[in-house]
Amino acid sequence: MQWETGKRYLISYEAESGQRTERQIDLLGISASHGDATCLRAFCHLRGEERTFRSDRIVSAVLVANSGRSY
């Protein structure tokens, strides 16, 4: 997937424990790779705070149309 900072995405994320959650995130930045995974810094609307997500744990992602920051 081509990630763009400042955009909102709806992702399905699988944690290390295997638990999956759906989250809306606003991408703040992309950091150096961690092994085979790119690390994404984003505001997570589910948790209400900034979080880091490993791209190899994102099962699916969809760009949300007309997204705007609301945090």
PDB file of N, CA and C in Angstrom:
ATOM      1  N   MET A   1       0.839  -1.189   0.000  1.00  0.00           N
ATOM      2  CA  MET A   1       0.000   0.000   0.000  1.00  0.00           C
ATOM      3  C   MET A   1       0.876   1.240   0.000  1.00  0.00           C
ATOM      4  N   GLN A   2       0.432   2.248  -0.698  1.00  0.00           N
ATOM      5  CA  GLN A   2       1.109   3.540  -0.733  1.00  0.00           C
ATOM      6  C   GLN A   2       0.539   4.406   0.384  1.00  0.00           C
ATOM      7  N   TRP A   3       1.303   4.642   1.434  1.00  0.00           N
ATOM      8  CA  TRP A   3       0.852   5.428   2.580  1.00  0.00           C
ATOM      9  C   TRP A   3       1.148   6.903   2.355  1.00  0.00           C
ATOM     10  N   GLU A   4       0.210   7.776   2.772  1.00  0.00           N
ATOM     11  CA  GLU A   4       0.394   9.218   2.654  1.00  0.00           C
ATOM     12  C   GLU A   4       0.131   9.877   3.995  1.00  0.00           C
ATOM     13  N   THR A   5       1.098  10.649   4.480  1.00  0.00           N
ATOM     14  CA  THR A   5       0.899  11.355   5.734  1.00  0.00           C
ATOM     15  C   THR A   5      -0.225  12.371   5.581  1.00  0.00           C
ATOM     16  N   GLY A   6      -0.937  12.602   6.667  1.00  0.00           N
ATOM     17  CA  GLY A   6      -2.048  13.541   6.659  1.00  0.00           C
ATOM     18  C   GLY A   6      -3.366  12.933   6.199  1.00  0.00           C
ATOM     19  N   LYS A   7      -3.345  11.679   5.811  1.00  0.00           N
ATOM     20  CA  LYS A   7      -4.561  11.007   5.339  1.00  0.00           C
ATOM     21  C   LYS A   7      -5.120  10.104   6.427  1.00  0.00           C
ATOM     22  N   ARG A   8      -6.425   9.837   6.346  1.00  0.00           N
ATOM     23  CA  ARG A   8      -7.099   8.937   7.285  1.00  0.00           C
ATOM     24  C   ARG A   8      -7.348   7.598   6.602  1.00  0.00           C
ATOM     25  N   TYR A   9      -7.093   6.533   7.360  1.00  0.00           N
ATOM     26  CA  TYR A   9      -7.278   5.178   6.863  1.00  0.00           C
ATOM     27  C   TYR A   9      -8.134   4.387   7.837  1.00  0.00           C
ATOM     28  N   LEU A  10      -8.906   3.465   7.306  1.00  0.00           N
ATOM     29  CA  LEU A  10      -9.605   2.471   8.104  1.00  0.00           C
ATOM     30  C   LEU A  10      -8.786   1.200   7.952  1.00  0.00           C
ATOM     31  N   ILE A  11      -8.243   0.704   9.079  1.00  0.00           N
ATOM     32  CA  ILE A  11      -7.382  -0.469   9.012  1.00  0.00           C
ATOM     33  C   ILE A  11      -7.938  -1.604   9.868  1.00  0.00           C
ATOM     34  N   SER A  12      -7.606  -2.796   9.479  1.00  0.00           N
ATOM     35  CA  SER A  12      -7.806  -3.983  10.304  1.00  0.00           C
ATOM     36  C   SER A  12      -6.410  -4.348  10.761  1.00  0.00           C
ATOM     37  N   TYR A  13      -6.188  -4.333  12.080  1.00  0.00           N
ATOM     38  CA  TYR A  13      -4.851  -4.509  12.638  1.00  0.00           C
ATOM     39  C   TYR A  13      -4.803  -5.747  13.516  1.00  0.00           C
ATOM     40  N   GLU A  14      -3.783  -6.568  13.314  1.00  0.00           N
ATOM     41  CA  GLU A  14      -3.610  -7.774  14.121  1.00  0.00           C
ATOM     42  C   GLU A  14      -2.442  -7.575  15.075  1.00  0.00           C
ATOM     43  N   ALA A  15      -2.748  -7.563  16.363  1.00  0.00           N
ATOM     44  CA  ALA A  15      -1.731  -7.392  17.396  1.00  0.00           C
ATOM     45  C   ALA A  15      -0.860  -8.632  17.499  1.00  0.00           C
ATOM     46  N   GLU A  16       0.241  -8.511  18.210  1.00  0.00           N
ATOM     47  CA  GLU A  16       1.148  -9.641  18.402  1.00  0.00           C
ATOM     48  C   GLU A  16       0.426 -10.838  19.029  1.00  0.00           C
ATOM     49  N   SER A  17      -0.586 -10.556  19.855  1.00  0.00           N
ATOM     50  CA  SER A  17      -1.367 -11.611  20.516  1.00  0.00           C
ATOM     51  C   SER A  17      -2.295 -12.352  19.554  1.00  0.00           C
ATOM     52  N   GLY A  18      -2.495 -11.789  18.353  1.00  0.00           N
ATOM     53  CA  GLY A  18      -3.399 -12.385  17.381  1.00  0.00           C
ATOM     54  C   GLY A  18      -4.771 -11.728  17.356  1.00  0.00           C
ATOM     55  N   GLN A  19      -5.034 -10.844  18.311  1.00  0.00           N
ATOM     56  CA  GLN A  19      -6.321 -10.146  18.357  1.00  0.00           C
ATOM     57  C   GLN A  19      -6.390  -9.107  17.240  1.00  0.00           C
ATOM     58  N   ARG A  20      -7.530  -9.102  16.534  1.00  0.00           N
ATOM     59  CA  ARG A  20      -7.733  -8.127  15.452  1.00  0.00           C
ATOM     60  C   ARG A  20      -8.706  -7.048  15.885  1.00  0.00           C
ATOM     61  N   THR A  21      -8.400  -5.821  15.480  1.00  0.00           N
ATOM     62  CA  THR A  21      -9.289  -4.689  15.731  1.00  0.00           C
ATOM     63  C   THR A  21      -9.380  -3.856  14.466  1.00  0.00           C
ATOM     64  N   GLU A  22     -10.515  -3.167  14.307  1.00  0.00           N
ATOM     65  CA  GLU A  22     -10.661  -2.192  13.228  1.00  0.00           C
ATOM     66  C   GLU A  22     -10.449  -0.827  13.842  1.00  0.00           C
ATOM     67  N   ARG A  23      -9.670  -0.012  13.170  1.00  0.00           N
ATOM     68  CA  ARG A  23      -9.337   1.309  13.686  1.00  0.00           C
ATOM     69  C   ARG A  23      -9.331   2.328  12.556  1.00  0.00           C
ATOM     70  N   GLN A  24      -9.698   3.559  12.889  1.00  0.00           N
ATOM     71  CA  GLN A  24      -9.469   4.675  11.982  1.00  0.00           C
ATOM     72  C   GLN A  24      -8.237   5.383  12.495  1.00  0.00           C
ATOM     73  N   ILE A  25      -7.280   5.589  11.594  1.00  0.00           N
ATOM     74  CA  ILE A  25      -6.047   6.257  11.977  1.00  0.00           C
ATOM     75  C   ILE A  25      -5.777   7.427  11.040  1.00  0.00           C
ATOM     76  N   ASP A  26      -5.180   8.479  11.596  1.00  0.00           N
ATOM     77  CA  ASP A  26      -4.687   9.596  10.796  1.00  0.00           C
ATOM     78  C   ASP A  26      -3.173   9.469  10.777  1.00  0.00           C
ATOM     79  N   LEU A  27      -2.611   9.233   9.605  1.00  0.00           N
ATOM     80  CA  LEU A  27      -1.187   8.979   9.477  1.00  0.00           C
ATOM     81  C   LEU A  27      -0.382  10.253   9.705  1.00  0.00           C
ATOM     82  N   LEU A  28       0.524  10.196  10.686  1.00  0.00           N
ATOM     83  CA  LEU A  28       1.353  11.348  11.043  1.00  0.00           C
ATOM     84  C   LEU A  28       2.750  11.253  10.450  1.00  0.00           C
ATOM     85  N   GLY A  29       3.249  10.038  10.312  1.00  0.00           N
ATOM     86  CA  GLY A  29       4.593   9.873   9.777  1.00  0.00           C
ATOM     87  C   GLY A  29       4.936   8.422   9.539  1.00  0.00           C
ATOM     88  N   ILE A  30       5.970   8.224   8.741  1.00  0.00           N
ATOM     89  CA  ILE A  30       6.451   6.886   8.411  1.00  0.00           C
ATOM     90  C   ILE A  30       7.901   6.837   8.841  1.00  0.00           C
ATOM     91  N   SER A  31       8.244   5.832   9.651  1.00  0.00           N
ATOM     92  CA  SER A  31       9.613   5.749  10.141  1.00  0.00           C
ATOM     93  C   SER A  31      10.351   4.592   9.484  1.00  0.00           C
ATOM     94  N   ALA A  32      11.614   4.483   9.813  1.00  0.00           N
ATOM     95  CA  ALA A  32      12.478   3.459   9.237  1.00  0.00           C
ATOM     96  C   ALA A  32      11.896   2.072   9.464  1.00  0.00           C
ATOM     97  N   SER A  33      12.279   1.196   8.607  1.00  0.00           N
ATOM     98  CA  SER A  33      11.790  -0.179   8.687  1.00  0.00           C
ATOM     99  C   SER A  33      12.306  -0.882   9.922  1.00  0.00           C
ATOM    100  N   HIS A  34      11.488  -1.800  10.409  1.00  0.00           N
ATOM    101  CA  HIS A  34      11.837  -2.674  11.528  1.00  0.00           C
ATOM    102  C   HIS A  34      11.809  -4.084  10.956  1.00  0.00           C
ATOM    103  N   GLY A  35      12.959  -4.595  10.521  1.00  0.00           N
ATOM    104  CA  GLY A  35      12.982  -5.867   9.807  1.00  0.00           C
ATOM    105  C   GLY A  35      12.320  -5.685   8.456  1.00  0.00           C
ATOM    106  N   ASP A  36      11.251  -6.438   8.206  1.00  0.00           N
ATOM    107  CA  ASP A  36      10.519  -6.335   6.943  1.00  0.00           C
ATOM    108  C   ASP A  36       9.354  -5.365   7.020  1.00  0.00           C
ATOM    109  N   ALA A  37       9.150  -4.750   8.189  1.00  0.00           N
ATOM    110  CA  ALA A  37       7.971  -3.909   8.385  1.00  0.00           C
ATOM    111  C   ALA A  37       8.343  -2.435   8.482  1.00  0.00           C
ATOM    112  N   THR A  38       7.507  -1.611   7.876  1.00  0.00           N
ATOM    113  CA  THR A  38       7.614  -0.169   8.038  1.00  0.00           C
ATOM    114  C   THR A  38       6.775   0.207   9.249  1.00  0.00           C
ATOM    115  N   CYS A  39       7.260   1.130  10.057  1.00  0.00           N
ATOM    116  CA  CYS A  39       6.512   1.579  11.232  1.00  0.00           C
ATOM    117  C   CYS A  39       5.766   2.862  10.898  1.00  0.00           C
ATOM    118  N   LEU A  40       4.475   2.873  11.204  1.00  0.00           N
ATOM    119  CA  LEU A  40       3.620   4.023  10.924  1.00  0.00           C
ATOM    120  C   LEU A  40       3.249   4.693  12.241  1.00  0.00           C
ATOM    121  N   ARG A  41       3.499   5.988  12.349  1.00  0.00           N
ATOM    122  CA  ARG A  41       3.077   6.763  13.518  1.00  0.00           C
ATOM    123  C   ARG A  41       1.771   7.418  13.133  1.00  0.00           C
ATOM    124  N   ALA A  42       0.728   7.211  13.966  1.00  0.00           N
ATOM    125  CA  ALA A  42      -0.602   7.704  13.607  1.00  0.00           C
ATOM    126  C   ALA A  42      -1.410   8.036  14.844  1.00  0.00           C
ATOM    127  N   PHE A  43      -2.396   8.907  14.661  1.00  0.00           N
ATOM    128  CA  PHE A  43      -3.383   9.137  15.705  1.00  0.00           C
ATOM    129  C   PHE A  43      -4.443   8.060  15.539  1.00  0.00           C
ATOM    130  N   CYS A  44      -4.663   7.275  16.605  1.00  0.00           N
ATOM    131  CA  CYS A  44      -5.632   6.184  16.581  1.00  0.00           C
ATOM    132  C   CYS A  44      -6.933   6.682  17.214  1.00  0.00           C
ATOM    133  N   HIS A  45      -8.006   6.698  16.445  1.00  0.00           N
ATOM    134  CA  HIS A  45      -9.293   7.181  16.958  1.00  0.00           C
ATOM    135  C   HIS A  45      -9.923   6.202  17.945  1.00  0.00           C
ATOM    136  N   LEU A  46      -9.591   4.922  17.854  1.00  0.00           N
ATOM    137  CA  LEU A  46     -10.097   3.943  18.812  1.00  0.00           C
ATOM    138  C   LEU A  46      -9.530   4.203  20.207  1.00  0.00           C
ATOM    139  N   ARG A  47      -8.254   4.488  20.294  1.00  0.00           N
ATOM    140  CA  ARG A  47      -7.579   4.699  21.579  1.00  0.00           C
ATOM    141  C   ARG A  47      -7.526   6.166  21.990  1.00  0.00           C
ATOM    142  N   GLY A  48      -7.739   7.078  21.031  1.00  0.00           N
ATOM    143  CA  GLY A  48      -7.738   8.503  21.341  1.00  0.00           C
ATOM    144  C   GLY A  48      -6.360   9.071  21.612  1.00  0.00           C
ATOM    145  N   GLU A  49      -5.337   8.454  21.007  1.00  0.00           N
ATOM    146  CA  GLU A  49      -3.969   8.933  21.206  1.00  0.00           C
ATOM    147  C   GLU A  49      -3.074   8.455  20.070  1.00  0.00           C
ATOM    148  N   GLU A  50      -1.852   9.005  20.040  1.00  0.00           N
ATOM    149  CA  GLU A  50      -0.900   8.571  19.031  1.00  0.00           C
ATOM    150  C   GLU A  50      -0.408   7.168  19.342  1.00  0.00           C
ATOM    151  N   ARG A  51      -0.255   6.381  18.287  1.00  0.00           N
ATOM    152  CA  ARG A  51       0.228   5.006  18.399  1.00  0.00           C
ATOM    153  C   ARG A  51       1.161   4.719  17.227  1.00  0.00           C
ATOM    154  N   THR A  52       1.966   3.683  17.382  1.00  0.00           N
ATOM    155  CA  THR A  52       2.824   3.207  16.303  1.00  0.00           C
ATOM    156  C   THR A  52       2.303   1.855  15.844  1.00  0.00           C
ATOM    157  N   PHE A  53       2.179   1.684  14.538  1.00  0.00           N
ATOM    158  CA  PHE A  53       1.654   0.455  13.937  1.00  0.00           C
ATOM    159  C   PHE A  53       2.697  -0.128  12.996  1.00  0.00           C
ATOM    160  N   ARG A  54       2.890  -1.429  13.075  1.00  0.00           N
ATOM    161  CA  ARG A  54       3.774  -2.119  12.143  1.00  0.00           C
ATOM    162  C   ARG A  54       2.980  -2.478  10.893  1.00  0.00           C
ATOM    163  N   SER A  55       3.516  -2.120   9.745  1.00  0.00           N
ATOM    164  CA  SER A  55       2.788  -2.350   8.491  1.00  0.00           C
ATOM    165  C   SER A  55       2.542  -3.833   8.220  1.00  0.00           C
ATOM    166  N   ASP A  56       3.410  -4.715   8.708  1.00  0.00           N
ATOM    167  CA  ASP A  56       3.206  -6.146   8.462  1.00  0.00           C
ATOM    168  C   ASP A  56       2.086  -6.736   9.315  1.00  0.00           C
ATOM    169  N   ARG A  57       1.534  -5.957  10.245  1.00  0.00           N
ATOM    170  CA  ARG A  57       0.399  -6.403  11.050  1.00  0.00           C
ATOM    171  C   ARG A  57      -0.918  -5.794  10.588  1.00  0.00           C
ATOM    172  N   ILE A  58      -0.853  -4.961   9.558  1.00  0.00           N
ATOM    173  CA  ILE A  58      -2.075  -4.388   8.996  1.00  0.00           C
ATOM    174  C   ILE A  58      -2.609  -5.376   7.966  1.00  0.00           C
ATOM    175  N   VAL A  59      -3.770  -5.946   8.279  1.00  0.00           N
ATOM    176  CA  VAL A  59      -4.372  -6.977   7.432  1.00  0.00           C
ATOM    177  C   VAL A  59      -5.016  -6.346   6.208  1.00  0.00           C
ATOM    178  N   SER A  60      -5.677  -5.193   6.399  1.00  0.00           N
ATOM    179  CA  SER A  60      -6.281  -4.466   5.286  1.00  0.00           C
ATOM    180  C   SER A  60      -6.315  -2.983   5.635  1.00  0.00           C
ATOM    181  N   ALA A  61      -6.338  -2.161   4.600  1.00  0.00           N
ATOM    182  CA  ALA A  61      -6.376  -0.708   4.793  1.00  0.00           C
ATOM    183  C   ALA A  61      -7.130  -0.066   3.638  1.00  0.00           C
ATOM    184  N   VAL A  62      -7.974   0.905   3.993  1.00  0.00           N
ATOM    185  CA  VAL A  62      -8.747   1.646   2.999  1.00  0.00           C
ATOM    186  C   VAL A  62      -8.617   3.128   3.316  1.00  0.00           C
ATOM    187  N   LEU A  63      -8.315   3.910   2.306  1.00  0.00           N
ATOM    188  CA  LEU A  63      -8.267   5.356   2.471  1.00  0.00           C
ATOM    189  C   LEU A  63      -9.684   5.862   2.688  1.00  0.00           C
ATOM    190  N   VAL A  64      -9.885   6.682   3.721  1.00  0.00           N
ATOM    191  CA  VAL A  64     -11.208   7.225   4.027  1.00  0.00           C
ATOM    192  C   VAL A  64     -11.358   8.544   3.277  1.00  0.00           C
ATOM    193  N   ALA A  65     -12.411   8.647   2.468  1.00  0.00           N
ATOM    194  CA  ALA A  65     -12.649   9.856   1.671  1.00  0.00           C
ATOM    195  C   ALA A  65     -13.024  11.024   2.567  1.00  0.00           C
ATOM    196  N   ASN A  66     -12.659  12.213   2.157  1.00  0.00           N
ATOM    197  CA  ASN A  66     -12.992  13.452   2.869  1.00  0.00           C
ATOM    198  C   ASN A  66     -12.558  13.415   4.329  1.00  0.00           C
ATOM    199  N   SER A  67     -11.395  12.835   4.567  1.00  0.00           N
ATOM    200  CA  SER A  67     -10.909  12.766   5.937  1.00  0.00           C
ATOM    201  C   SER A  67     -10.338  14.107   6.365  1.00  0.00           C
ATOM    202  N   GLY A  68     -10.478  14.361   7.627  1.00  0.00           N
ATOM    203  CA  GLY A  68      -9.939  15.574   8.218  1.00  0.00           C
ATOM    204  C   GLY A  68      -9.614  15.313   9.660  1.00  0.00           C
ATOM    205  N   ARG A  69      -8.629  15.992  10.167  1.00  0.00           N
ATOM    206  CA  ARG A  69      -8.240  15.760  11.551  1.00  0.00           C
ATOM    207  C   ARG A  69      -9.300  16.273  12.506  1.00  0.00           C
ATOM    208  N   SER A  70      -9.629  15.436  13.463  1.00  0.00           N
ATOM    209  CA  SER A  70     -10.645  15.820  14.442  1.00  0.00           C
ATOM    210  C   SER A  70     -10.167  15.528  15.859  1.00  0.00           C
ATOM    211  N   TYR A  71      -8.886  15.622  16.065  1.00  0.00           N
ATOM    212  CA  TYR A  71      -8.350  15.362  17.389  1.00  0.00           C
ATOM    213  C   TYR A  71      -7.613  16.545  17.930  1.00  0.00           C
TER     214      TYR A  71
END
